[in-house]
Amino acid sequence: MAFDQEKRQAMHLLQGVENGTLRISEAARLVEEADPALVYLLLTWLRSHYGGDHPAAAGVLGRLVELNSAHGSVRARMREGKADPVVAWFEEEHGYRDFGAADFVDLVVDKLES
């Protein structure tokens, strides 16, 4: 059950930032409650999927910048998460663009909890 709750929270954060349906303060609260590696992976997934010429890039990346600018704790969680062995595993074995949101969340939460 805990895995399901963590997956729901991760999807809520990911989709909230992606779709602009989550207030930045609420996103920051979710970031503070989440595993730092999961935070790093989720926000990096968003940057990867919405970089370059994606039509929604300005909105999504703008929300990421706002989240990082308004809440210094987000940057700290990202730095901490980047050093996690699960991040290294994912980046050595997979690519962020290889997964849709739901499959990505399933994979990384399962790996973090194993």
Protein backbone atom coordinates (compact mmCIF):
# COMPACT_ATOMS: atom_id res chain seq x y z
CA MET A 1 0.00 0.00 0.00
CA ALA A 2 2.81 2.44 0.79
CA PHE A 3 4.15 2.03 -2.75
CA ASP A 4 0.76 2.97 -4.16
CA GLN A 5 0.57 6.08 -1.99
CA GLU A 6 4.09 7.14 -2.95
CA LYS A 7 3.29 6.57 -6.63
CA ARG A 8 0.11 8.66 -6.33
CA GLN A 9 2.03 11.47 -4.64
CA ALA A 10 4.77 11.33 -7.28
CA MET A 11 2.22 11.44 -10.11
CA HIS A 12 0.40 14.30 -8.39
CA LEU A 13 3.63 16.32 -8.23
CA LEU A 14 4.71 15.42 -11.76
CA GLN A 15 1.34 16.13 -13.36
CA GLY A 16 0.70 19.19 -11.22
CA VAL A 17 3.89 20.86 -12.42
CA GLU A 18 3.44 19.53 -15.94
CA ASN A 19 -0.15 20.74 -16.33
CA GLY A 20 0.01 23.81 -14.10
CA THR A 21 -2.71 22.44 -11.82
CA LEU A 22 -0.63 22.58 -8.64
CA ARG A 23 0.21 25.77 -6.78
CA ILE A 24 3.96 26.27 -6.47
CA SER A 25 3.69 26.27 -2.67
CA GLU A 26 1.90 22.91 -2.77
CA ALA A 27 4.52 21.53 -5.17
CA ALA A 28 7.24 22.68 -2.77
CA ARG A 29 5.48 20.92 0.12
CA LEU A 30 5.35 17.69 -1.89
CA VAL A 31 9.03 18.06 -2.77
CA GLU A 32 9.92 18.42 0.91
CA GLU A 33 7.95 15.25 1.77
CA ALA A 34 9.39 13.14 -1.05
CA ASP A 35 12.59 11.15 -1.25
CA PRO A 36 15.33 13.43 -2.66
CA ALA A 37 16.22 10.90 -5.38
CA LEU A 38 12.58 10.81 -6.46
CA VAL A 39 12.48 14.61 -6.57
CA TYR A 40 15.59 14.71 -8.72
CA LEU A 41 14.26 12.04 -11.06
CA LEU A 42 10.80 13.61 -11.43
CA LEU A 43 12.02 17.13 -12.09
CA THR A 44 14.71 15.89 -14.45
CA TRP A 45 12.10 13.83 -16.32
CA LEU A 46 10.07 17.02 -16.79
CA ARG A 47 13.09 18.98 -18.05
CA SER A 48 13.96 16.17 -20.44
CA HIS A 49 10.47 15.84 -21.87
CA TYR A 50 9.81 19.55 -22.20
CA GLY A 51 13.14 20.80 -23.46
CA GLY A 52 13.82 22.26 -26.86
CA ASP A 53 10.96 22.80 -29.22
CA HIS A 54 8.14 21.12 -27.29
CA PRO A 55 5.02 23.31 -27.58
CA ALA A 56 4.45 23.27 -23.80
CA ALA A 57 8.11 23.87 -22.89
CA ALA A 58 7.69 27.49 -21.86
CA GLY A 59 4.92 26.70 -19.39
CA VAL A 60 6.44 23.59 -17.85
CA LEU A 61 9.98 24.91 -17.66
CA GLY A 62 8.67 28.24 -16.36
CA ARG A 63 6.92 26.43 -13.50
CA LEU A 64 10.12 24.50 -12.74
CA VAL A 65 12.09 27.75 -12.61
CA GLU A 66 9.45 29.32 -10.38
CA LEU A 67 9.49 26.30 -8.06
CA ASN A 68 13.29 26.39 -7.79
CA SER A 69 13.42 30.18 -7.39
CA ALA A 70 10.67 30.47 -4.80
CA HIS A 71 11.81 27.58 -2.63
CA GLY A 72 15.51 27.08 -1.94
CA SER A 73 14.72 23.74 -0.37
CA VAL A 74 13.92 22.38 -3.84
CA ARG A 75 17.46 23.05 -5.04
CA ALA A 76 18.85 21.40 -1.92
CA ARG A 77 16.65 18.31 -2.43
CA MET A 78 17.77 18.13 -6.07
CA ARG A 79 21.45 18.24 -5.09
CA GLU A 80 20.93 15.58 -2.45
CA GLY A 81 18.92 13.39 -4.81
CA LYS A 82 21.44 13.61 -7.64
CA ALA A 83 24.00 11.84 -5.45
CA ASP A 84 21.71 8.86 -4.78
CA PRO A 85 22.77 5.48 -6.27
CA VAL A 86 19.28 4.98 -7.71
CA VAL A 87 19.77 8.08 -9.86
CA ALA A 88 23.10 6.73 -11.09
CA TRP A 89 21.46 3.35 -11.83
CA PHE A 90 18.63 4.98 -13.78
CA GLU A 91 20.88 7.26 -15.80
CA GLU A 92 23.28 4.42 -16.65
CA GLU A 93 20.54 1.95 -17.62
CA HIS A 94 17.77 4.15 -19.05
CA GLY A 95 16.94 7.43 -20.70
CA TYR A 96 14.36 9.88 -19.34
CA ARG A 97 12.65 10.07 -22.72
CA ASP A 98 12.26 6.28 -22.82
CA PHE A 99 9.27 6.39 -20.46
CA GLY A 100 5.88 7.98 -20.22
CA ALA A 101 4.99 9.51 -16.87
CA ALA A 102 3.15 6.54 -15.33
CA ASP A 103 5.71 3.93 -16.37
CA PHE A 104 8.53 6.19 -15.20
CA VAL A 105 6.97 6.70 -11.77
CA ASP A 106 6.26 2.98 -11.40
CA LEU A 107 9.85 2.08 -12.27
CA VAL A 108 11.61 4.59 -10.04
CA VAL A 109 9.33 4.20 -7.01
CA ASP A 110 9.64 0.42 -7.21
CA LYS A 111 13.45 0.75 -7.44
CA LEU A 112 13.62 3.23 -4.57
CA GLU A 113 11.49 1.00 -2.37
CA SER A 114 13.34 -2.23 -3.17
